[in-house]
């Protein structure tokens, strides 16, 4: 991508590229995000190798559920005490009582979750100043886990640099990660996109910060 690529062309690229699925390959060379230091996939693999029965829940993009204002809260379709291990990466919502119910005594819930105000800088660059985040605080997860009868044995937090090198990458990201700017469209947010494009041209890549936390709890 040339440094001379116009605003209009960059916007068109970001708006036309497919966003189906949950891969971020299109951003290669255009945006980067640091990974949490704990290595969630490695932790899950190590624990999976030691258990008889494991369950992965609510792992995925959550693009559709994120737009449902009142999702149903149906119980997990498994008998009580069915699993030694339950894992979940970036869940939309954790049903702590159900997690506790399906874990065997001594079983483990291991989850990497999105923290409060993740990539808030990008949200505010498009929407303007926002109120302090009310949801996804790690301490809320700890309290909910304990209320469900689980014992929290590990809690780690990370703030991760997320760098956008051009406005096309921003447009693509906002189309894919729909909760960053709810209802985002290029047409509706064109002035803010132009301002951010000009800022990137003058100051260099735009830096936001993703927030993640790891929580491990035992039955």
C-alpha atoms as a PDB file:
ATOM      1  CA  UNK A   1       0.000   0.000   0.000  1.00  0.00           C
ATOM      2  CA  UNK A   2       1.451   3.340  -1.040  1.00  0.00           C
ATOM      3  CA  UNK A   3       1.716   6.243   1.377  1.00  0.00           C
ATOM      4  CA  UNK A   4       0.058   8.286  -1.378  1.00  0.00           C
ATOM      5  CA  UNK A   5      -3.116   6.208  -1.454  1.00  0.00           C
ATOM      6  CA  UNK A   6      -6.025   8.624  -1.217  1.00  0.00           C
ATOM      7  CA  UNK A   7      -8.558   8.812   1.583  1.00  0.00           C
ATOM      8  CA  UNK A   8     -11.289   7.753  -0.818  1.00  0.00           C
ATOM      9  CA  UNK A   9      -9.351   4.711  -2.024  1.00  0.00           C
ATOM     10  CA  UNK A  10      -8.468   3.612   1.504  1.00  0.00           C
ATOM     11  CA  UNK A  11     -12.095   3.952   2.605  1.00  0.00           C
ATOM     12  CA  UNK A  12     -13.220   1.962  -0.426  1.00  0.00           C
ATOM     13  CA  UNK A  13     -10.737  -0.822   0.321  1.00  0.00           C
ATOM     14  CA  UNK A  14     -11.834  -1.131   3.944  1.00  0.00           C
ATOM     15  CA  UNK A  15     -15.498  -1.013   2.996  1.00  0.00           C
ATOM     16  CA  UNK A  16     -15.270  -3.629   0.242  1.00  0.00           C
ATOM     17  CA  UNK A  17     -13.098  -6.287   1.888  1.00  0.00           C
ATOM     18  CA  UNK A  18     -15.069  -9.262   3.285  1.00  0.00           C
ATOM     19  CA  UNK A  19     -15.439  -9.484   7.071  1.00  0.00           C
ATOM     20  CA  UNK A  20     -17.108 -12.889   7.388  1.00  0.00           C
ATOM     21  CA  UNK A  21     -15.684 -15.287   9.940  1.00  0.00           C
ATOM     22  CA  UNK A  22     -13.308 -14.363  12.704  1.00  0.00           C
ATOM     23  CA  UNK A  23      -9.897 -14.177  11.022  1.00  0.00           C
ATOM     24  CA  UNK A  24      -7.976 -10.908  10.824  1.00  0.00           C
ATOM     25  CA  UNK A  25      -5.629 -11.772   7.966  1.00  0.00           C
ATOM     26  CA  UNK A  26      -6.782  -8.801   5.899  1.00  0.00           C
ATOM     27  CA  UNK A  27      -5.129  -6.462   8.390  1.00  0.00           C
ATOM     28  CA  UNK A  28      -1.645  -7.892   7.763  1.00  0.00           C
ATOM     29  CA  UNK A  29       0.688  -4.948   7.242  1.00  0.00           C
ATOM     30  CA  UNK A  30      -2.092  -2.482   8.056  1.00  0.00           C
ATOM     31  CA  UNK A  31      -2.806  -3.055  11.758  1.00  0.00           C
ATOM     32  CA  UNK A  32      -1.335  -5.029  14.661  1.00  0.00           C
ATOM     33  CA  UNK A  33      -2.429  -6.037  18.135  1.00  0.00           C
ATOM     34  CA  UNK A  34      -0.234  -7.339  20.928  1.00  0.00           C
ATOM     35  CA  UNK A  35      -1.129 -10.713  22.399  1.00  0.00           C
ATOM     36  CA  UNK A  36      -1.662 -11.323  26.128  1.00  0.00           C
ATOM     37  CA  UNK A  37       1.467 -12.601  27.845  1.00  0.00           C
ATOM     38  CA  UNK A  38      -0.145 -15.688  29.339  1.00  0.00           C
ATOM     39  CA  UNK A  39      -0.717 -17.531  26.029  1.00  0.00           C
ATOM     40  CA  UNK A  40      -4.331 -18.648  26.354  1.00  0.00           C
ATOM     41  CA  UNK A  41      -4.206 -21.322  23.644  1.00  0.00           C
ATOM     42  CA  UNK A  42      -1.152 -22.869  25.271  1.00  0.00           C
ATOM     43  CA  UNK A  43      -2.832 -22.883  28.691  1.00  0.00           C
ATOM     44  CA  UNK A  44      -5.944 -24.528  27.274  1.00  0.00           C
ATOM     45  CA  UNK A  45      -3.900 -27.163  25.430  1.00  0.00           C
ATOM     46  CA  UNK A  46      -2.001 -28.067  28.586  1.00  0.00           C
ATOM     47  CA  UNK A  47      -5.188 -28.490  30.581  1.00  0.00           C
ATOM     48  CA  UNK A  48      -7.028 -30.371  27.834  1.00  0.00           C
ATOM     49  CA  UNK A  49      -4.296 -33.004  27.858  1.00  0.00           C
ATOM     50  CA  UNK A  50      -5.013 -33.834  31.510  1.00  0.00           C
ATOM     51  CA  UNK A  51      -8.806 -34.171  31.637  1.00  0.00           C
ATOM     52  CA  UNK A  52     -11.405 -36.717  30.579  1.00  0.00           C
ATOM     53  CA  UNK A  53     -14.169 -34.353  29.479  1.00  0.00           C
ATOM     54  CA  UNK A  54     -13.972 -30.699  28.473  1.00  0.00           C
ATOM     55  CA  UNK A  55     -16.396 -28.106  27.133  1.00  0.00           C
ATOM     56  CA  UNK A  56     -15.726 -24.975  25.083  1.00  0.00           C
ATOM     57  CA  UNK A  57     -18.524 -22.405  25.336  1.00  0.00           C
ATOM     58  CA  UNK A  58     -19.265 -19.027  23.789  1.00  0.00           C
ATOM     59  CA  UNK A  59     -15.991 -18.879  21.898  1.00  0.00           C
ATOM     60  CA  UNK A  60     -16.184 -17.016  18.617  1.00  0.00           C
ATOM     61  CA  UNK A  61     -16.954 -13.653  17.146  1.00  0.00           C
ATOM     62  CA  UNK A  62     -20.272 -13.074  18.842  1.00  0.00           C
ATOM     63  CA  UNK A  63     -21.111 -10.631  16.030  1.00  0.00           C
ATOM     64  CA  UNK A  64     -24.792 -11.532  15.975  1.00  0.00           C
ATOM     65  CA  UNK A  65     -25.347 -11.942  19.697  1.00  0.00           C
ATOM     66  CA  UNK A  66     -23.682  -8.586  20.324  1.00  0.00           C
ATOM     67  CA  UNK A  67     -26.596  -6.926  18.543  1.00  0.00           C
ATOM     68  CA  UNK A  68     -29.326  -8.744  20.495  1.00  0.00           C
ATOM     69  CA  UNK A  69     -30.512  -6.459  23.323  1.00  0.00           C
ATOM     70  CA  UNK A  70     -32.047  -9.244  25.418  1.00  0.00           C
ATOM     71  CA  UNK A  71     -30.537 -12.642  24.566  1.00  0.00           C
ATOM     72  CA  UNK A  72     -32.145 -15.737  26.116  1.00  0.00           C
ATOM     73  CA  UNK A  73     -30.486 -17.375  29.103  1.00  0.00           C
ATOM     74  CA  UNK A  74     -31.140 -21.027  28.448  1.00  0.00           C
ATOM     75  CA  UNK A  75     -29.275 -23.611  30.547  1.00  0.00           C
ATOM     76  CA  UNK A  76     -26.388 -25.523  29.041  1.00  0.00           C
ATOM     77  CA  UNK A  77     -27.719 -28.791  27.563  1.00  0.00           C
ATOM     78  CA  UNK A  78     -25.537 -31.011  29.767  1.00  0.00           C
ATOM     79  CA  UNK A  79     -26.066 -32.870  32.993  1.00  0.00           C
ATOM     80  CA  UNK A  80     -24.609 -31.510  36.202  1.00  0.00           C
ATOM     81  CA  UNK A  81     -20.966 -32.295  37.009  1.00  0.00           C
ATOM     82  CA  UNK A  82     -20.299 -33.439  33.428  1.00  0.00           C
ATOM     83  CA  UNK A  83     -16.923 -31.777  32.791  1.00  0.00           C
ATOM     84  CA  UNK A  84     -13.494 -31.552  34.339  1.00  0.00           C
ATOM     85  CA  UNK A  85     -12.740 -28.402  32.331  1.00  0.00           C
ATOM     86  CA  UNK A  86     -14.788 -25.590  30.799  1.00  0.00           C
ATOM     87  CA  UNK A  87     -13.041 -23.001  28.642  1.00  0.00           C
ATOM     88  CA  UNK A  88     -14.260 -19.843  26.960  1.00  0.00           C
ATOM     89  CA  UNK A  89     -12.418 -17.216  24.921  1.00  0.00           C
ATOM     90  CA  UNK A  90     -13.930 -13.741  24.642  1.00  0.00           C
ATOM     91  CA  UNK A  91     -17.467 -14.727  25.658  1.00  0.00           C
ATOM     92  CA  UNK A  92     -20.290 -12.265  25.091  1.00  0.00           C
ATOM     93  CA  UNK A  93     -21.589 -13.186  28.539  1.00  0.00           C
ATOM     94  CA  UNK A  94     -20.542 -15.786  31.105  1.00  0.00           C
ATOM     95  CA  UNK A  95     -23.365 -17.729  32.740  1.00  0.00           C
ATOM     96  CA  UNK A  96     -21.534 -18.406  35.972  1.00  0.00           C
ATOM     97  CA  UNK A  97     -24.221 -20.538  37.665  1.00  0.00           C
ATOM     98  CA  UNK A  98     -24.376 -22.823  34.617  1.00  0.00           C
ATOM     99  CA  UNK A  99     -20.576 -23.067  34.453  1.00  0.00           C
ATOM    100  CA  UNK A 100     -20.538 -24.057  38.109  1.00  0.00           C
ATOM    101  CA  UNK A 101     -23.337 -26.580  37.573  1.00  0.00           C
ATOM    102  CA  UNK A 102     -21.655 -28.503  34.747  1.00  0.00           C
ATOM    103  CA  UNK A 103     -18.226 -28.629  36.414  1.00  0.00           C
ATOM    104  CA  UNK A 104     -17.274 -31.680  38.419  1.00  0.00           C
ATOM    105  CA  UNK A 105     -16.000 -31.091  41.958  1.00  0.00           C
ATOM    106  CA  UNK A 106     -12.449 -29.865  41.570  1.00  0.00           C
ATOM    107  CA  UNK A 107     -13.090 -28.969  37.918  1.00  0.00           C
ATOM    108  CA  UNK A 108     -11.739 -25.790  36.325  1.00  0.00           C
ATOM    109  CA  UNK A 109     -13.166 -22.899  34.337  1.00  0.00           C
ATOM    110  CA  UNK A 110     -10.500 -21.095  32.305  1.00  0.00           C
ATOM    111  CA  UNK A 111     -11.466 -18.019  30.306  1.00  0.00           C
ATOM    112  CA  UNK A 112      -9.823 -15.140  28.485  1.00  0.00           C
ATOM    113  CA  UNK A 113     -12.213 -12.208  28.478  1.00  0.00           C
ATOM    114  CA  UNK A 114     -12.427  -8.724  27.001  1.00  0.00           C
ATOM    115  CA  UNK A 115     -11.787  -6.044  29.590  1.00  0.00           C
ATOM    116  CA  UNK A 116     -13.553  -2.702  30.105  1.00  0.00           C
ATOM    117  CA  UNK A 117     -13.052   0.065  27.592  1.00  0.00           C
ATOM    118  CA  UNK A 118     -11.172  -2.061  25.086  1.00  0.00           C
ATOM    119  CA  UNK A 119      -9.925   0.042  22.111  1.00  0.00           C
ATOM    120  CA  UNK A 120     -11.779   2.941  23.715  1.00  0.00           C
ATOM    121  CA  UNK A 121      -9.479   5.406  21.987  1.00  0.00           C
ATOM    122  CA  UNK A 122     -10.820   4.265  18.625  1.00  0.00           C
ATOM    123  CA  UNK A 123     -14.436   4.433  19.780  1.00  0.00           C
ATOM    124  CA  UNK A 124     -13.902   8.003  20.983  1.00  0.00           C
ATOM    125  CA  UNK A 125     -12.057   9.008  17.810  1.00  0.00           C
ATOM    126  CA  UNK A 126     -15.252   8.205  15.920  1.00  0.00           C
ATOM    127  CA  UNK A 127     -17.961   9.022  18.478  1.00  0.00           C
ATOM    128  CA  UNK A 128     -16.372  11.641  20.708  1.00  0.00           C
ATOM    129  CA  UNK A 129     -15.966  11.414  24.519  1.00  0.00           C
ATOM    130  CA  UNK A 130     -17.730   8.473  26.142  1.00  0.00           C
ATOM    131  CA  UNK A 131     -18.756   7.812  29.757  1.00  0.00           C
ATOM    132  CA  UNK A 132     -16.595   5.466  31.826  1.00  0.00           C
ATOM    133  CA  UNK A 133     -17.175   1.801  30.941  1.00  0.00           C
ATOM    134  CA  UNK A 134     -19.621   0.019  33.231  1.00  0.00           C
ATOM    135  CA  UNK A 135     -19.210  -3.554  32.052  1.00  0.00           C
ATOM    136  CA  UNK A 136     -16.572  -6.274  31.696  1.00  0.00           C
ATOM    137  CA  UNK A 137     -14.579  -5.288  34.773  1.00  0.00           C
ATOM    138  CA  UNK A 138     -12.470  -8.202  36.106  1.00  0.00           C
ATOM    139  CA  UNK A 139     -13.679  -7.615  39.645  1.00  0.00           C
ATOM    140  CA  UNK A 140     -17.258  -8.127  38.463  1.00  0.00           C
ATOM    141  CA  UNK A 141     -16.266 -11.496  37.019  1.00  0.00           C
ATOM    142  CA  UNK A 142     -14.585 -12.479  40.276  1.00  0.00           C
ATOM    143  CA  UNK A 143     -17.674 -11.544  42.280  1.00  0.00           C
ATOM    144  CA  UNK A 144     -19.961 -13.459  39.904  1.00  0.00           C
ATOM    145  CA  UNK A 145     -17.757 -16.546  40.023  1.00  0.00           C
ATOM    146  CA  UNK A 146     -17.753 -16.531  43.812  1.00  0.00           C
ATOM    147  CA  UNK A 147     -21.503 -15.971  43.943  1.00  0.00           C
ATOM    148  CA  UNK A 148     -21.909 -19.121  41.835  1.00  0.00           C
ATOM    149  CA  UNK A 149     -19.876 -21.102  44.363  1.00  0.00           C
ATOM    150  CA  UNK A 150     -16.576 -21.160  42.467  1.00  0.00           C
ATOM    151  CA  UNK A 151     -13.152 -20.353  43.873  1.00  0.00           C
ATOM    152  CA  UNK A 152     -11.088 -17.922  41.821  1.00  0.00           C
ATOM    153  CA  UNK A 153      -7.499 -19.181  41.735  1.00  0.00           C
ATOM    154  CA  UNK A 154      -5.980 -16.882  39.103  1.00  0.00           C
ATOM    155  CA  UNK A 155      -6.730 -13.449  37.693  1.00  0.00           C
ATOM    156  CA  UNK A 156      -4.426 -11.630  35.276  1.00  0.00           C
ATOM    157  CA  UNK A 157      -4.915  -8.432  33.299  1.00  0.00           C
ATOM    158  CA  UNK A 158      -3.194  -7.048  30.206  1.00  0.00           C
ATOM    159  CA  UNK A 159      -3.341  -3.807  28.238  1.00  0.00           C
ATOM    160  CA  UNK A 160      -2.290  -4.426  24.648  1.00  0.00           C
ATOM    161  CA  UNK A 161      -1.225  -1.942  21.990  1.00  0.00           C
ATOM    162  CA  UNK A 162      -3.475  -1.995  18.943  1.00  0.00           C
ATOM    163  CA  UNK A 163      -1.980  -0.023  16.051  1.00  0.00           C
ATOM    164  CA  UNK A 164      -3.790   1.119  12.886  1.00  0.00           C
ATOM    165  CA  UNK A 165      -1.573   2.262  10.026  1.00  0.00           C
ATOM    166  CA  UNK A 166      -4.288   3.575   7.701  1.00  0.00           C
ATOM    167  CA  UNK A 167      -7.961   4.505   7.696  1.00  0.00           C
ATOM    168  CA  UNK A 168      -8.838   1.519   5.514  1.00  0.00           C
ATOM    169  CA  UNK A 169      -7.759  -0.755   8.358  1.00  0.00           C
ATOM    170  CA  UNK A 170      -9.915   1.263  10.748  1.00  0.00           C
ATOM    171  CA  UNK A 171     -12.972   0.930   8.505  1.00  0.00           C
ATOM    172  CA  UNK A 172     -12.502  -2.806   8.113  1.00  0.00           C
ATOM    173  CA  UNK A 173     -12.008  -3.273  11.873  1.00  0.00           C
ATOM    174  CA  UNK A 174     -15.135  -1.269  12.715  1.00  0.00           C
ATOM    175  CA  UNK A 175     -17.176  -3.305  10.238  1.00  0.00           C
ATOM    176  CA  UNK A 176     -15.943  -6.531  11.803  1.00  0.00           C
ATOM    177  CA  UNK A 177     -15.801  -5.707  15.518  1.00  0.00           C
ATOM    178  CA  UNK A 178     -19.274  -4.228  15.525  1.00  0.00           C
ATOM    179  CA  UNK A 179     -19.487  -3.262  19.200  1.00  0.00           C
ATOM    180  CA  UNK A 180     -16.578  -0.804  18.926  1.00  0.00           C
ATOM    181  CA  UNK A 181     -18.854   1.748  17.239  1.00  0.00           C
ATOM    182  CA  UNK A 182     -22.416   0.397  17.333  1.00  0.00           C
ATOM    183  CA  UNK A 183     -24.254   0.993  14.088  1.00  0.00           C
ATOM    184  CA  UNK A 184     -21.083   1.971  12.261  1.00  0.00           C
ATOM    185  CA  UNK A 185     -21.349   2.857   8.593  1.00  0.00           C
ATOM    186  CA  UNK A 186     -18.915   4.766   6.431  1.00  0.00           C
ATOM    187  CA  UNK A 187     -21.599   7.206   5.317  1.00  0.00           C
ATOM    188  CA  UNK A 188     -22.754   8.056   8.835  1.00  0.00           C
ATOM    189  CA  UNK A 189     -19.249   8.517  10.213  1.00  0.00           C
ATOM    190  CA  UNK A 190     -17.438   9.978   7.228  1.00  0.00           C
ATOM    191  CA  UNK A 191     -16.393  13.288   8.880  1.00  0.00           C
ATOM    192  CA  UNK A 192     -14.847  11.462  11.853  1.00  0.00           C
ATOM    193  CA  UNK A 193     -13.075   9.054   9.501  1.00  0.00           C
ATOM    194  CA  UNK A 194     -11.667  11.986   7.537  1.00  0.00           C
ATOM    195  CA  UNK A 195     -10.359  13.593  10.743  1.00  0.00           C
ATOM    196  CA  UNK A 196      -8.741  10.341  11.828  1.00  0.00           C
ATOM    197  CA  UNK A 197      -7.212   9.852   8.374  1.00  0.00           C
ATOM    198  CA  UNK A 198      -5.671  13.332   8.532  1.00  0.00           C
ATOM    199  CA  UNK A 199      -4.365  12.612  12.030  1.00  0.00           C
ATOM    200  CA  UNK A 200      -2.689   9.405  10.864  1.00  0.00           C
ATOM    201  CA  UNK A 201      -1.105  11.243   7.932  1.00  0.00           C
ATOM    202  CA  UNK A 202       0.351  13.918  10.220  1.00  0.00           C
ATOM    203  CA  UNK A 203       1.142  11.994  13.421  1.00  0.00           C
ATOM    204  CA  UNK A 204       1.673   8.440  12.180  1.00  0.00           C
ATOM    205  CA  UNK A 205      -0.177   5.231  13.124  1.00  0.00           C
ATOM    206  CA  UNK A 206      -3.150   5.520  15.435  1.00  0.00           C
ATOM    207  CA  UNK A 207      -2.667   3.635  18.704  1.00  0.00           C
ATOM    208  CA  UNK A 208      -5.495   2.245  20.813  1.00  0.00           C
ATOM    209  CA  UNK A 209      -5.332  -0.283  23.640  1.00  0.00           C
ATOM    210  CA  UNK A 210      -7.168  -3.589  23.851  1.00  0.00           C
ATOM    211  CA  UNK A 211      -7.845  -4.877  27.340  1.00  0.00           C
ATOM    212  CA  UNK A 212      -7.969  -8.539  28.268  1.00  0.00           C
ATOM    213  CA  UNK A 213      -8.109 -10.543  31.450  1.00  0.00           C
ATOM    214  CA  UNK A 214      -7.608 -14.205  32.272  1.00  0.00           C
ATOM    215  CA  UNK A 215      -9.726 -15.772  34.970  1.00  0.00           C
ATOM    216  CA  UNK A 216      -9.411 -19.296  36.350  1.00  0.00           C
ATOM    217  CA  UNK A 217     -11.929 -20.652  38.830  1.00  0.00           C
ATOM    218  CA  UNK A 218     -12.481 -24.053  40.377  1.00  0.00           C
ATOM    219  CA  UNK A 219     -15.550 -25.904  41.542  1.00  0.00           C
END
